Amino acid sequence: MKYSIADLEKLSGVQSHTIRIWEQRYKALTPHRSAGNTRYYDDEQLRRLLNLVTLNHSGIKISQACALSNEEINNIIQQTIDQSRATTGEFEHYINQLLIDGLAYNELAFNKVLSQAIKQHHLNKAYEQVIYPLLNRLGMMWQQDKICPAQEHFLSNLIRQKLFSVIDSLPSGNPSGSTWLLFLPEDEGHDIGLLFAKYVLRNAQQKVIYLGSHVPISSLKLAINDNQVDHLLFFMTHARLVTDAQHYINELALQFTSGRIHLAGNSRLLSEIKLPDHVSWFKSIGDLEKYIHPIS
């Protein structure tokens, strides 16, 4: 694909003028030129930028990161993948087998392994120890160009199907329970975390209105007006400018004042946001569970 520098800004959370400074000072990226002399970037350049941001967040100076070759960067990212391995052999076995079956497009085998993990450990533990680490590893593998988008979509959609199946088996929410409206902002498409939050809430007998991904704020306002909503829950996982995220949250807080707003997602981003009084940050699924099951 072809990306403009504005596209890189949205995908990496690094401002355009900072990307240009990194190019000029450290030769971080080498943009291509179209026939009309317009600068553009490709998938390889995007991966390199995302890797540089990852190294920078891990404590490596950007000047040092930019001096590394793609091979050296990939070796460091591989070390991160190795360090992400599950603490027990059983969970690591599930993750590895799911990767093998998913990358081979073996739907039957993938579903069998995932079902076994959920049956053995229940969905909460399977999500925490298998599904979530698997998704993180997929993201790092994409940055290393070890998987293609089709493989990532294949694995993600199988996981989504399994979550929908488990959720459908749960009873409807308690009519007297709180009503939660779940959604992702307009520029967010990966809803697996949001689906798991729906499972946790439904399992706790809460009423859930699930809007899914890519929800414009205008549509969100209509849904709020048409329903008596006690809680909003959404995820921000993409890297984005702090100012943009702050503006979105502030606007949402002004529109929804009759209940609580909860958000989760990119901890590096959310830690820099000033949250309004009726907005809270769930740093883990445990925070959500504690909120709906407070200790008396």
Protein backbone atom coordinates (compact mmCIF):
# COMPACT_ATOMS: atom_id res chain seq x y z
CA MET A 1 0.00 0.00 0.00
CA LYS A 2 0.94 3.63 -0.38
CA TYR A 3 0.85 5.96 2.63
CA SER A 4 1.17 9.71 2.93
CA ILE A 5 3.02 11.23 5.87
CA ALA A 6 -0.41 12.09 7.31
CA ASP A 7 -1.28 8.38 7.16
CA LEU A 8 1.93 7.55 9.05
CA GLU A 9 1.00 10.13 11.69
CA LYS A 10 -2.39 8.49 12.27
CA LEU A 11 -0.99 4.94 12.32
CA SER A 12 2.03 5.61 14.55
CA GLY A 13 0.89 8.49 16.77
CA VAL A 14 4.06 10.40 15.82
CA GLN A 15 3.44 13.90 14.50
CA SER A 16 4.30 14.56 10.85
CA HIS A 17 6.93 17.20 11.63
CA THR A 18 8.63 14.76 14.05
CA ILE A 19 8.74 12.08 11.35
CA ARG A 20 10.37 14.61 8.99
CA ILE A 21 12.93 15.54 11.67
CA TRP A 22 13.75 11.85 12.15
CA GLU A 23 14.22 11.53 8.39
CA GLN A 24 16.45 14.59 8.12
CA ARG A 25 18.58 14.00 11.24
CA TYR A 26 18.73 10.22 11.47
CA LYS A 27 17.73 8.91 8.02
CA ALA A 28 14.91 7.00 9.76
CA LEU A 29 12.86 6.53 6.58
CA THR A 30 13.44 6.91 2.87
CA PRO A 31 10.20 8.03 1.21
CA HIS A 32 9.45 7.20 -2.41
CA ARG A 33 8.52 9.77 -5.05
CA SER A 34 5.59 9.52 -7.42
CA ALA A 35 5.73 10.63 -11.06
CA GLY A 36 4.39 13.98 -9.86
CA ASN A 37 7.19 14.17 -7.23
CA THR A 38 4.79 13.52 -4.33
CA ARG A 39 6.33 11.77 -1.32
CA TYR A 40 4.79 8.46 -0.26
CA TYR A 41 5.68 5.46 1.91
CA ASP A 42 5.09 1.71 1.56
CA ASP A 43 4.40 -1.17 3.98
CA GLU A 44 8.10 -1.70 4.65
CA GLN A 45 8.52 1.96 5.63
CA LEU A 46 5.44 1.79 7.88
CA ARG A 47 6.78 -1.33 9.64
CA ARG A 48 10.15 0.34 10.19
CA LEU A 49 8.48 3.42 11.69
CA LEU A 50 6.32 1.31 14.02
CA ASN A 51 9.40 -0.65 15.07
CA LEU A 52 11.32 2.54 15.76
CA VAL A 53 8.45 3.79 17.93
CA THR A 54 8.41 0.45 19.78
CA LEU A 55 12.16 0.66 20.47
CA ASN A 56 11.88 4.29 21.52
CA HIS A 57 9.10 3.48 24.00
CA SER A 58 11.26 0.67 25.40
CA GLY A 59 13.95 3.20 26.34
CA ILE A 60 16.23 3.24 23.28
CA LYS A 61 17.07 6.75 22.05
CA ILE A 62 15.60 7.49 18.65
CA SER A 63 19.07 8.35 17.28
CA GLN A 64 20.32 4.91 18.33
CA ALA A 65 17.21 3.13 17.02
CA CYS A 66 17.47 4.81 13.61
CA ALA A 67 21.11 3.73 13.31
CA LEU A 68 20.06 0.07 13.47
CA SER A 69 19.50 -1.98 10.35
CA ASN A 70 16.16 -3.65 9.75
CA GLU A 71 17.79 -6.98 10.64
CA GLU A 72 19.07 -5.61 13.96
CA ILE A 73 15.66 -4.12 14.73
CA ASN A 74 13.97 -7.43 13.94
CA ASN A 75 16.36 -9.23 16.28
CA ILE A 76 15.39 -6.91 19.13
CA ILE A 77 11.69 -7.32 18.34
CA GLN A 78 12.21 -11.11 18.28
CA GLN A 79 13.68 -10.88 21.78
CA THR A 80 10.51 -9.05 22.83
CA ILE A 81 8.43 -11.86 21.33
CA ASP A 82 10.53 -14.45 23.16
CA GLN A 83 10.05 -12.57 26.43
CA SER A 84 6.28 -12.52 25.85
CA ARG A 85 6.09 -16.29 26.00
CA ALA A 86 3.62 -17.69 28.51
CA THR A 87 4.83 -18.49 32.01
CA THR A 88 3.63 -22.10 31.80
CA GLY A 89 4.31 -24.65 29.10
CA GLU A 90 0.64 -25.47 28.72
CA PHE A 91 -0.39 -21.94 27.78
CA GLU A 92 2.62 -21.56 25.50
CA HIS A 93 1.64 -24.81 23.80
CA TYR A 94 -1.84 -23.43 23.09
CA ILE A 95 -0.41 -20.18 21.69
CA ASN A 96 2.10 -21.94 19.45
CA GLN A 97 -0.44 -24.45 18.17
CA LEU A 98 -2.95 -21.71 17.41
CA LEU A 99 -0.26 -19.84 15.48
CA ILE A 100 0.66 -22.96 13.50
CA ASP A 101 -2.95 -23.80 12.63
CA GLY A 102 -3.97 -20.20 11.99
CA LEU A 103 -1.06 -19.36 9.71
CA ALA A 104 -1.85 -22.55 7.76
CA TYR A 105 -5.52 -21.46 7.43
CA ASN A 106 -6.56 -24.68 9.20
CA GLU A 107 -9.90 -23.58 10.64
CA LEU A 108 -10.90 -27.00 11.99
CA ALA A 109 -7.66 -27.53 13.93
CA PHE A 110 -7.59 -23.91 15.16
CA ASN A 111 -11.13 -24.13 16.54
CA LYS A 112 -10.38 -27.46 18.20
CA VAL A 113 -7.36 -26.07 20.07
CA LEU A 114 -9.14 -22.85 21.07
CA SER A 115 -12.19 -24.78 22.29
CA GLN A 116 -9.94 -27.04 24.32
CA ALA A 117 -8.20 -24.05 25.96
CA ILE A 118 -11.56 -22.46 26.85
CA LYS A 119 -13.01 -25.73 28.16
CA GLN A 120 -9.93 -26.44 30.26
CA HIS A 121 -9.47 -22.96 31.75
CA HIS A 122 -12.77 -21.15 31.12
CA LEU A 123 -12.92 -18.10 28.88
CA ASN A 124 -11.57 -15.57 31.40
CA LYS A 125 -8.29 -17.43 31.93
CA ALA A 126 -8.03 -18.50 28.28
CA TYR A 127 -8.41 -14.89 27.16
CA GLU A 128 -5.81 -13.62 29.64
CA GLN A 129 -3.21 -16.36 29.09
CA VAL A 130 -3.80 -17.45 25.49
CA ILE A 131 -5.92 -15.15 23.31
CA TYR A 132 -4.52 -11.77 24.42
CA PRO A 133 -0.85 -12.89 24.23
CA LEU A 134 -1.58 -14.47 20.84
CA LEU A 135 -2.95 -11.18 19.49
CA ASN A 136 0.05 -9.26 20.82
CA ARG A 137 2.41 -11.73 19.19
CA LEU A 138 0.57 -11.42 15.87
CA GLY A 139 1.08 -7.65 15.96
CA MET A 140 4.81 -8.02 16.54
CA MET A 141 5.08 -10.67 13.84
CA TRP A 142 3.41 -8.29 11.36
CA GLN A 143 6.00 -5.64 12.24
CA GLN A 144 8.67 -8.21 11.38
CA ASP A 145 6.92 -9.01 8.08
CA LYS A 146 6.53 -12.64 9.21
CA ILE A 147 2.79 -12.80 8.50
CA CYS A 148 0.57 -11.25 5.85
CA PRO A 149 -2.63 -9.29 6.56
CA ALA A 150 -4.76 -12.19 5.28
CA GLN A 151 -3.34 -14.51 7.95
CA GLU A 152 -3.90 -11.94 10.70
CA HIS A 153 -7.50 -11.40 9.57
CA PHE A 154 -8.08 -15.16 9.41
CA LEU A 155 -6.92 -15.75 12.99
CA SER A 156 -8.74 -12.70 14.36
CA ASN A 157 -12.03 -13.65 12.73
CA LEU A 158 -11.87 -17.19 14.12
CA ILE A 159 -11.36 -15.76 17.60
CA ARG A 160 -14.25 -13.35 17.08
CA GLN A 161 -16.51 -16.22 15.98
CA LYS A 162 -15.64 -18.18 19.12
CA LEU A 163 -16.36 -15.18 21.37
CA PHE A 164 -19.72 -14.61 19.67
CA SER A 165 -20.56 -18.28 20.18
CA VAL A 166 -19.75 -18.19 23.90
CA ILE A 167 -21.63 -14.90 24.38
CA ASP A 168 -24.71 -16.26 22.60
CA SER A 169 -24.84 -19.14 25.08
CA LEU A 170 -25.22 -16.72 28.01
CA PRO A 171 -28.64 -15.64 29.33
CA SER A 172 -29.83 -12.11 28.58
CA GLY A 173 -28.98 -9.42 31.10
CA ASN A 174 -31.00 -8.86 34.25
CA PRO A 175 -33.79 -6.33 33.48
CA SER A 176 -32.94 -4.57 36.75
CA GLY A 177 -29.22 -4.45 36.01
CA SER A 178 -27.22 -1.53 34.70
CA THR A 179 -27.17 -0.82 30.96
CA TRP A 180 -23.76 -0.64 29.27
CA LEU A 181 -23.27 0.72 25.77
CA LEU A 182 -20.12 -0.70 24.14
CA PHE A 183 -18.49 0.75 21.02
CA LEU A 184 -15.24 1.61 19.26
CA PRO A 185 -14.53 5.08 17.84
CA GLU A 186 -14.81 5.67 14.11
CA ASP A 187 -11.12 4.96 13.44
CA GLU A 188 -10.94 1.76 15.53
CA GLY A 189 -11.65 -1.60 13.93
CA HIS A 190 -10.27 -4.36 16.17
CA ASP A 191 -13.11 -5.33 18.49
CA ILE A 192 -11.89 -8.55 20.14
CA GLY A 193 -11.17 -6.78 23.43
CA LEU A 194 -14.58 -5.12 23.30
CA LEU A 195 -16.23 -8.48 22.61
CA PHE A 196 -14.54 -9.98 25.66
CA ALA A 197 -15.78 -7.04 27.75
CA LYS A 198 -19.29 -7.84 26.48
CA TYR A 199 -18.84 -11.42 27.67
CA VAL A 200 -17.71 -10.28 31.13
CA LEU A 201 -20.68 -7.92 31.46
CA ARG A 202 -23.25 -10.40 30.16
CA ASN A 203 -21.82 -13.07 32.45
CA ALA A 204 -22.36 -10.63 35.33
CA GLN A 205 -26.03 -10.22 34.32
CA GLN A 206 -25.55 -6.67 33.04
CA LYS A 207 -27.54 -5.38 30.07
CA VAL A 208 -25.33 -4.70 27.05
CA ILE A 209 -25.96 -2.64 23.93
CA TYR A 210 -23.14 -3.57 21.57
CA LEU A 211 -22.49 -1.19 18.68
CA GLY A 212 -19.17 -2.69 17.59
CA SER A 213 -16.42 -0.92 15.64
CA HIS A 214 -16.17 2.25 13.53
CA VAL A 215 -18.99 4.12 15.31
CA PRO A 216 -19.26 7.82 14.35
CA ILE A 217 -19.88 10.06 17.34
CA SER A 218 -23.08 11.31 15.67
CA SER A 219 -24.47 7.75 15.65
CA LEU A 220 -23.34 7.27 19.23
CA LYS A 221 -25.35 10.32 20.29
CA LEU A 222 -28.50 8.85 18.69
CA ALA A 223 -28.00 5.53 20.49
CA ILE A 224 -27.59 7.33 23.82
CA ASN A 225 -30.70 9.42 23.23
CA ASP A 226 -32.77 6.35 22.31
CA ASN A 227 -31.77 4.32 25.37
CA GLN A 228 -31.41 4.77 29.10
CA VAL A 229 -27.67 4.17 29.33
CA ASP A 230 -25.82 3.99 32.64
CA HIS A 231 -22.31 3.31 31.34
CA LEU A 232 -20.33 3.84 28.15
CA LEU A 233 -17.35 1.59 27.51
CA PHE A 234 -14.96 1.97 24.58
CA PHE A 235 -11.40 1.10 23.63
CA MET A 236 -8.63 3.25 22.15
CA THR A 237 -5.93 0.88 20.90
CA HIS A 238 -4.46 2.73 17.92
CA ALA A 239 -1.45 4.96 18.36
CA ARG A 240 -2.67 8.50 17.88
CA LEU A 241 -1.81 12.05 18.86
CA VAL A 242 -2.49 12.79 22.52
CA THR A 243 -4.22 16.03 21.55
CA ASP A 244 -6.62 14.16 19.25
CA ALA A 245 -7.44 11.58 21.91
CA GLN A 246 -7.95 14.30 24.53
CA HIS A 247 -10.31 16.21 22.23
CA TYR A 248 -12.37 13.08 21.53
CA ILE A 249 -12.72 12.19 25.21
CA ASN A 250 -13.60 15.77 26.15
CA GLU A 251 -16.30 15.92 23.48
CA LEU A 252 -17.73 12.57 24.56
CA ALA A 253 -17.75 13.67 28.20
CA LEU A 254 -19.74 16.77 27.29
CA GLN A 255 -22.28 14.71 25.35
CA PHE A 256 -22.80 12.04 28.02
CA THR A 257 -23.21 13.44 31.53
CA SER A 258 -25.96 11.20 32.96
CA GLY A 259 -23.71 8.20 33.69
CA ARG A 260 -20.15 6.94 33.77
CA ILE A 261 -17.73 6.68 30.85
CA HIS A 262 -15.07 3.97 30.90
CA LEU A 263 -12.21 3.47 28.47
CA ALA A 264 -9.44 0.93 27.96
CA GLY A 265 -6.68 0.24 25.49
CA ASN A 266 -3.31 1.83 24.70
CA SER A 267 -1.71 2.47 28.10
CA ARG A 268 1.06 4.64 26.65
CA LEU A 269 -1.56 6.97 25.19
CA LEU A 270 -4.12 6.90 27.98
CA SER A 271 -1.53 7.62 30.67
CA GLU A 272 -1.05 11.07 29.09
CA ILE A 273 -4.76 11.92 28.99
CA LYS A 274 -6.43 14.14 31.60
CA LEU A 275 -9.72 12.38 32.31
CA PRO A 276 -12.89 14.32 33.22
CA ASP A 277 -14.43 13.51 36.61
CA HIS A 278 -17.00 11.02 35.30
CA VAL A 279 -14.51 9.18 33.04
CA SER A 280 -12.44 6.25 34.31
CA TRP A 281 -9.68 4.10 32.83
CA PHE A 282 -9.84 0.31 33.06
CA LYS A 283 -6.17 -0.68 32.93
CA SER A 284 -7.01 -4.38 32.84
CA ILE A 285 -9.99 -6.69 32.55
CA GLY A 286 -9.59 -7.14 36.30
CA ASP A 287 -10.51 -3.47 36.78
CA LEU A 288 -13.78 -4.05 34.93
CA GLU A 289 -14.54 -7.15 36.99
CA LYS A 290 -13.83 -5.31 40.25
CA TYR A 291 -16.07 -2.45 39.14
CA ILE A 292 -19.08 -4.67 38.48
CA HIS A 293 -18.35 -6.91 41.50
CA PRO A 294 -17.23 -4.44 44.20
CA ILE A 295 -16.04 -5.91 47.47
CA SER A 296 -18.62 -5.08 50.14
